[in-house]
Amino acid sequence: MNPVSQVIVVIGVGIILLAAIGLMKLKTPYARIHAAGKASPVAFLVIAIGVIPEVGWRGGAEMVLACVALVITLPIGVHLLFRAVHVARPEHDPQLDELRAASRRSESASDT
């Protein structure tokens, strides 16, 4: 492995370590999900950039395809995880909780 690729992969690993520290140190589930949801695709992209010169054209194409799939699907998964946490934690202030009010309106509209 050439030294440039090694440095790029080490930078990606550093991003993963920062995300892991964020998962352990942050207090709220929202902050934890945010740390993991933002850092994991960035780290994967950085590591993929470092690995592409080492795996050749075919492996590089597969890495690009994996990166595209990750960038498309991860925001949707993180959004659904946020919503699940929001529904499962009822201690939100109902005056400030716009999501709960919107879901009640949509539930009442579907009942009629």
N, C-alpha and C. Protein backbone atom coordinates (compact mmCIF):
# COMPACT_ATOMS: atom_id res chain seq x y z
N MET A 1 0.87 -1.18 0.00
CA MET A 1 0.00 0.00 0.00
C MET A 1 0.91 1.24 0.00
N ASN A 2 0.58 2.18 -0.87
CA ASN A 2 1.44 3.36 -0.95
C ASN A 2 1.18 4.30 0.23
N PRO A 3 2.13 5.15 0.54
CA PRO A 3 2.02 6.00 1.74
C PRO A 3 0.84 6.98 1.69
N VAL A 4 0.49 7.47 0.51
CA VAL A 4 -0.65 8.40 0.42
C VAL A 4 -1.94 7.68 0.79
N SER A 5 -2.13 6.47 0.27
CA SER A 5 -3.32 5.69 0.61
C SER A 5 -3.36 5.38 2.10
N GLN A 6 -2.21 5.07 2.66
CA GLN A 6 -2.15 4.77 4.09
C GLN A 6 -2.58 5.98 4.92
N VAL A 7 -2.12 7.16 4.55
CA VAL A 7 -2.47 8.37 5.30
C VAL A 7 -3.98 8.63 5.19
N ILE A 8 -4.54 8.47 4.00
CA ILE A 8 -5.97 8.71 3.81
C ILE A 8 -6.79 7.71 4.62
N VAL A 9 -6.39 6.45 4.64
CA VAL A 9 -7.11 5.44 5.43
C VAL A 9 -7.01 5.76 6.92
N VAL A 10 -5.85 6.19 7.37
CA VAL A 10 -5.68 6.54 8.79
C VAL A 10 -6.57 7.74 9.15
N ILE A 11 -6.71 8.70 8.24
CA ILE A 11 -7.62 9.82 8.49
C ILE A 11 -9.06 9.31 8.63
N GLY A 12 -9.46 8.38 7.77
CA GLY A 12 -10.80 7.79 7.88
C GLY A 12 -11.01 7.06 9.21
N VAL A 13 -9.99 6.34 9.64
CA VAL A 13 -10.07 5.64 10.93
C VAL A 13 -10.17 6.66 12.07
N GLY A 14 -9.46 7.78 11.95
CA GLY A 14 -9.57 8.84 12.97
C GLY A 14 -10.99 9.39 13.05
N ILE A 15 -11.64 9.55 11.91
CA ILE A 15 -13.03 10.02 11.91
C ILE A 15 -13.93 9.01 12.60
N ILE A 16 -13.69 7.73 12.36
CA ILE A 16 -14.48 6.69 13.02
C ILE A 16 -14.26 6.73 14.54
N LEU A 17 -13.03 6.93 14.96
CA LEU A 17 -12.75 7.02 16.40
C LEU A 17 -13.45 8.23 17.02
N LEU A 18 -13.46 9.36 16.33
CA LEU A 18 -14.18 10.53 16.84
C LEU A 18 -15.67 10.24 16.97
N ALA A 19 -16.24 9.52 16.00
CA ALA A 19 -17.66 9.16 16.09
C ALA A 19 -17.90 8.22 17.27
N ALA A 20 -16.99 7.30 17.50
CA ALA A 20 -17.14 6.39 18.64
C ALA A 20 -17.07 7.13 19.96
N ILE A 21 -16.17 8.09 20.05
CA ILE A 21 -16.08 8.91 21.27
C ILE A 21 -17.36 9.71 21.44
N GLY A 22 -17.89 10.25 20.34
CA GLY A 22 -19.15 10.98 20.40
C GLY A 22 -20.30 10.10 20.87
N LEU A 23 -20.33 8.86 20.42
CA LEU A 23 -21.38 7.94 20.87
C LEU A 23 -21.32 7.67 22.36
N MET A 24 -20.11 7.64 22.90
CA MET A 24 -19.97 7.36 24.33
C MET A 24 -20.16 8.61 25.19
N LYS A 25 -19.75 9.76 24.71
CA LYS A 25 -19.74 10.96 25.53
C LYS A 25 -21.02 11.79 25.45
N LEU A 26 -21.70 11.78 24.32
CA LEU A 26 -22.89 12.61 24.18
C LEU A 26 -24.04 12.06 25.01
N LYS A 27 -24.86 12.95 25.52
CA LYS A 27 -25.87 12.57 26.51
C LYS A 27 -27.21 12.13 25.90
N THR A 28 -27.70 12.85 24.91
CA THR A 28 -29.04 12.56 24.39
C THR A 28 -28.96 11.57 23.23
N PRO A 29 -30.02 10.81 23.03
CA PRO A 29 -30.02 9.89 21.89
C PRO A 29 -29.95 10.63 20.56
N TYR A 30 -30.52 11.83 20.50
CA TYR A 30 -30.47 12.61 19.27
C TYR A 30 -29.04 12.98 18.91
N ALA A 31 -28.27 13.40 19.89
CA ALA A 31 -26.87 13.77 19.64
C ALA A 31 -26.05 12.54 19.26
N ARG A 32 -26.34 11.41 19.87
CA ARG A 32 -25.62 10.18 19.54
C ARG A 32 -25.91 9.74 18.10
N ILE A 33 -27.18 9.77 17.74
CA ILE A 33 -27.55 9.40 16.37
C ILE A 33 -26.91 10.37 15.38
N HIS A 34 -26.89 11.64 15.73
CA HIS A 34 -26.30 12.64 14.85
C HIS A 34 -24.80 12.38 14.66
N ALA A 35 -24.12 12.05 15.74
CA ALA A 35 -22.68 11.78 15.64
C ALA A 35 -22.42 10.57 14.75
N ALA A 36 -23.17 9.51 14.95
CA ALA A 36 -22.95 8.31 14.15
C ALA A 36 -23.43 8.49 12.71
N GLY A 37 -24.56 9.19 12.55
CA GLY A 37 -25.12 9.35 11.21
C GLY A 37 -24.32 10.25 10.31
N LYS A 38 -23.62 11.21 10.88
CA LYS A 38 -22.80 12.11 10.07
C LYS A 38 -21.39 11.56 9.85
N ALA A 39 -20.82 10.97 10.85
CA ALA A 39 -19.42 10.56 10.75
C ALA A 39 -19.24 9.26 9.97
N SER A 40 -20.17 8.33 10.05
CA SER A 40 -19.95 7.05 9.39
C SER A 40 -19.88 7.15 7.86
N PRO A 41 -20.76 7.90 7.18
CA PRO A 41 -20.57 7.97 5.73
C PRO A 41 -19.32 8.76 5.33
N VAL A 42 -18.99 9.79 6.09
CA VAL A 42 -17.79 10.57 5.77
C VAL A 42 -16.55 9.68 5.93
N ALA A 43 -16.51 8.91 7.01
CA ALA A 43 -15.37 8.02 7.22
C ALA A 43 -15.30 6.96 6.13
N PHE A 44 -16.44 6.41 5.74
CA PHE A 44 -16.45 5.40 4.68
C PHE A 44 -15.96 6.00 3.37
N LEU A 45 -16.41 7.21 3.05
CA LEU A 45 -15.97 7.86 1.82
C LEU A 45 -14.47 8.13 1.82
N VAL A 46 -13.95 8.59 2.95
CA VAL A 46 -12.52 8.88 3.04
C VAL A 46 -11.70 7.59 2.90
N ILE A 47 -12.13 6.54 3.59
CA ILE A 47 -11.42 5.27 3.49
C ILE A 47 -11.52 4.71 2.08
N ALA A 48 -12.69 4.84 1.44
CA ALA A 48 -12.84 4.37 0.07
C ALA A 48 -11.89 5.11 -0.87
N ILE A 49 -11.76 6.42 -0.68
CA ILE A 49 -10.83 7.19 -1.51
C ILE A 49 -9.41 6.68 -1.32
N GLY A 50 -9.06 6.32 -0.10
CA GLY A 50 -7.72 5.80 0.16
C GLY A 50 -7.49 4.41 -0.39
N VAL A 51 -8.54 3.61 -0.48
CA VAL A 51 -8.40 2.23 -0.91
C VAL A 51 -8.50 2.08 -2.43
N ILE A 52 -9.21 2.98 -3.09
CA ILE A 52 -9.45 2.85 -4.53
C ILE A 52 -8.15 2.68 -5.34
N PRO A 53 -7.09 3.44 -5.07
CA PRO A 53 -5.87 3.20 -5.87
C PRO A 53 -5.27 1.81 -5.67
N GLU A 54 -5.57 1.18 -4.57
CA GLU A 54 -4.98 -0.13 -4.27
C GLU A 54 -5.77 -1.30 -4.85
N VAL A 55 -7.05 -1.11 -5.15
CA VAL A 55 -7.89 -2.24 -5.58
C VAL A 55 -8.12 -2.28 -7.08
N GLY A 56 -7.65 -1.30 -7.80
CA GLY A 56 -7.78 -1.31 -9.25
C GLY A 56 -9.11 -0.72 -9.72
N TRP A 57 -9.31 -0.77 -11.06
CA TRP A 57 -10.50 -0.15 -11.65
C TRP A 57 -11.79 -0.84 -11.24
N ARG A 58 -11.80 -2.17 -11.28
CA ARG A 58 -13.03 -2.89 -10.94
C ARG A 58 -13.39 -2.70 -9.47
N GLY A 59 -12.42 -2.84 -8.60
CA GLY A 59 -12.65 -2.61 -7.18
C GLY A 59 -13.03 -1.17 -6.89
N GLY A 60 -12.41 -0.23 -7.62
CA GLY A 60 -12.76 1.18 -7.47
C GLY A 60 -14.21 1.44 -7.87
N ALA A 61 -14.64 0.80 -8.96
CA ALA A 61 -16.04 0.97 -9.40
C ALA A 61 -17.00 0.41 -8.35
N GLU A 62 -16.64 -0.71 -7.76
CA GLU A 62 -17.49 -1.28 -6.71
C GLU A 62 -17.53 -0.37 -5.48
N MET A 63 -16.39 0.24 -5.15
CA MET A 63 -16.34 1.17 -4.02
C MET A 63 -17.21 2.39 -4.29
N VAL A 64 -17.15 2.92 -5.50
CA VAL A 64 -17.98 4.07 -5.85
C VAL A 64 -19.45 3.69 -5.76
N LEU A 65 -19.81 2.51 -6.23
CA LEU A 65 -21.20 2.04 -6.13
C LEU A 65 -21.63 1.91 -4.67
N ALA A 66 -20.76 1.38 -3.84
CA ALA A 66 -21.08 1.27 -2.41
C ALA A 66 -21.23 2.64 -1.78
N CYS A 67 -20.39 3.58 -2.16
CA CYS A 67 -20.47 4.95 -1.62
C CYS A 67 -21.79 5.61 -2.02
N VAL A 68 -22.18 5.44 -3.28
CA VAL A 68 -23.45 6.01 -3.75
C VAL A 68 -24.61 5.40 -2.98
N ALA A 69 -24.61 4.09 -2.80
CA ALA A 69 -25.68 3.44 -2.06
C ALA A 69 -25.73 3.94 -0.62
N LEU A 70 -24.58 4.10 0.00
CA LEU A 70 -24.53 4.59 1.37
C LEU A 70 -25.05 6.01 1.48
N VAL A 71 -24.63 6.86 0.57
CA VAL A 71 -25.05 8.27 0.61
C VAL A 71 -26.55 8.41 0.36
N ILE A 72 -27.12 7.51 -0.43
CA ILE A 72 -28.56 7.56 -0.70
C ILE A 72 -29.37 7.00 0.46
N THR A 73 -28.96 5.87 1.01
CA THR A 73 -29.78 5.18 2.01
C THR A 73 -29.57 5.64 3.44
N LEU A 74 -28.38 6.07 3.80
CA LEU A 74 -28.12 6.42 5.20
C LEU A 74 -28.95 7.58 5.73
N PRO A 75 -29.15 8.67 5.00
CA PRO A 75 -30.00 9.73 5.54
C PRO A 75 -31.42 9.28 5.82
N ILE A 76 -31.94 8.40 5.00
CA ILE A 76 -33.29 7.89 5.22
C ILE A 76 -33.33 7.05 6.49
N GLY A 77 -32.34 6.19 6.67
CA GLY A 77 -32.29 5.37 7.87
C GLY A 77 -32.12 6.19 9.14
N VAL A 78 -31.28 7.20 9.09
CA VAL A 78 -31.08 8.07 10.26
C VAL A 78 -32.35 8.84 10.57
N HIS A 79 -33.04 9.32 9.54
CA HIS A 79 -34.30 10.04 9.75
C HIS A 79 -35.34 9.13 10.42
N LEU A 80 -35.46 7.91 9.95
CA LEU A 80 -36.42 6.97 10.56
C LEU A 80 -36.04 6.63 11.99
N LEU A 81 -34.74 6.53 12.26
CA LEU A 81 -34.29 6.28 13.62
C LEU A 81 -34.61 7.46 14.53
N PHE A 82 -34.41 8.69 14.06
CA PHE A 82 -34.79 9.87 14.82
C PHE A 82 -36.27 9.85 15.14
N ARG A 83 -37.10 9.54 14.16
CA ARG A 83 -38.55 9.52 14.39
C ARG A 83 -38.93 8.44 15.40
N ALA A 84 -38.29 7.29 15.33
CA ALA A 84 -38.59 6.22 16.29
C ALA A 84 -38.22 6.65 17.71
N VAL A 85 -37.08 7.29 17.87
CA VAL A 85 -36.69 7.78 19.19
C VAL A 85 -37.66 8.85 19.66
N HIS A 86 -38.08 9.71 18.77
CA HIS A 86 -39.00 10.78 19.12
C HIS A 86 -40.34 10.22 19.61
N VAL A 87 -40.83 9.21 18.94
CA VAL A 87 -42.11 8.60 19.34
C VAL A 87 -41.96 7.83 20.65
N ALA A 88 -40.82 7.20 20.86
CA ALA A 88 -40.61 6.37 22.06
C ALA A 88 -40.32 7.19 23.31
N ARG A 89 -39.95 8.46 23.17
CA ARG A 89 -39.61 9.29 24.33
C ARG A 89 -40.69 10.35 24.50
N PRO A 90 -41.67 10.12 25.38
CA PRO A 90 -42.82 11.04 25.50
C PRO A 90 -42.57 12.28 26.35
N GLU A 91 -41.38 12.52 26.85
CA GLU A 91 -41.16 13.65 27.76
C GLU A 91 -40.94 14.98 27.04
N HIS A 92 -41.30 15.08 25.78
CA HIS A 92 -41.17 16.33 25.06
C HIS A 92 -42.26 17.31 25.48
N ASP A 93 -41.96 18.59 25.42
CA ASP A 93 -42.94 19.63 25.71
C ASP A 93 -43.95 19.69 24.58
N PRO A 94 -45.24 19.43 24.85
CA PRO A 94 -46.23 19.40 23.77
C PRO A 94 -46.39 20.76 23.08
N GLN A 95 -46.06 21.85 23.77
CA GLN A 95 -46.16 23.17 23.16
C GLN A 95 -45.10 23.36 22.07
N LEU A 96 -43.94 22.72 22.24
CA LEU A 96 -42.84 22.91 21.31
C LEU A 96 -42.68 21.76 20.32
N ASP A 97 -43.45 20.70 20.50
CA ASP A 97 -43.27 19.49 19.71
C ASP A 97 -44.12 19.55 18.44
N GLU A 98 -43.56 20.10 17.37
CA GLU A 98 -44.29 20.23 16.12
C GLU A 98 -44.48 18.88 15.43
N LEU A 99 -43.56 17.96 15.63
CA LEU A 99 -43.67 16.66 14.99
C LEU A 99 -44.85 15.87 15.54
N ARG A 100 -45.05 15.92 16.86
CA ARG A 100 -46.16 15.19 17.45
C ARG A 100 -47.49 15.78 17.00
N ALA A 101 -47.57 17.11 16.92
CA ALA A 101 -48.81 17.75 16.46
C ALA A 101 -49.09 17.38 15.01
N ALA A 102 -48.08 17.34 14.18
CA ALA A 102 -48.27 16.97 12.77
C ALA A 102 -48.70 15.52 12.64
N SER A 103 -48.14 14.63 13.45
CA SER A 103 -48.53 13.22 13.35
C SER A 103 -49.96 13.02 13.85
N ARG A 104 -50.38 13.80 14.85
CA ARG A 104 -51.78 13.71 15.31
C ARG A 104 -52.73 14.18 14.21
N ARG A 105 -52.38 15.27 13.53
CA ARG A 105 -53.24 15.75 12.44
C ARG A 105 -53.34 14.72 11.33
N SER A 106 -52.24 14.06 10.99
CA SER A 106 -52.29 13.08 9.93
C SER A 106 -53.06 11.84 10.36
N GLU A 107 -52.98 11.47 11.65
CA GLU A 107 -53.75 10.33 12.14
C GLU A 107 -55.24 10.63 12.13
N SER A 108 -55.62 11.83 12.54
CA SER A 108 -57.04 12.19 12.55
C SER A 108 -57.58 12.31 11.13
N ALA A 109 -56.77 12.75 10.20
CA ALA A 109 -57.20 12.85 8.80
C ALA A 109 -57.38 11.47 8.20
N SER A 110 -56.56 10.51 8.59
CA SER A 110 -56.69 9.16 8.03
C SER A 110 -57.85 8.40 8.66
N ASP A 111 -58.29 8.81 9.86
CA ASP A 111 -59.42 8.15 10.51
C ASP A 111 -60.74 8.48 9.83
N THR A 112 -60.83 9.64 9.19
CA THR A 112 -62.10 10.05 8.58
C THR A 112 -62.27 9.51 7.20
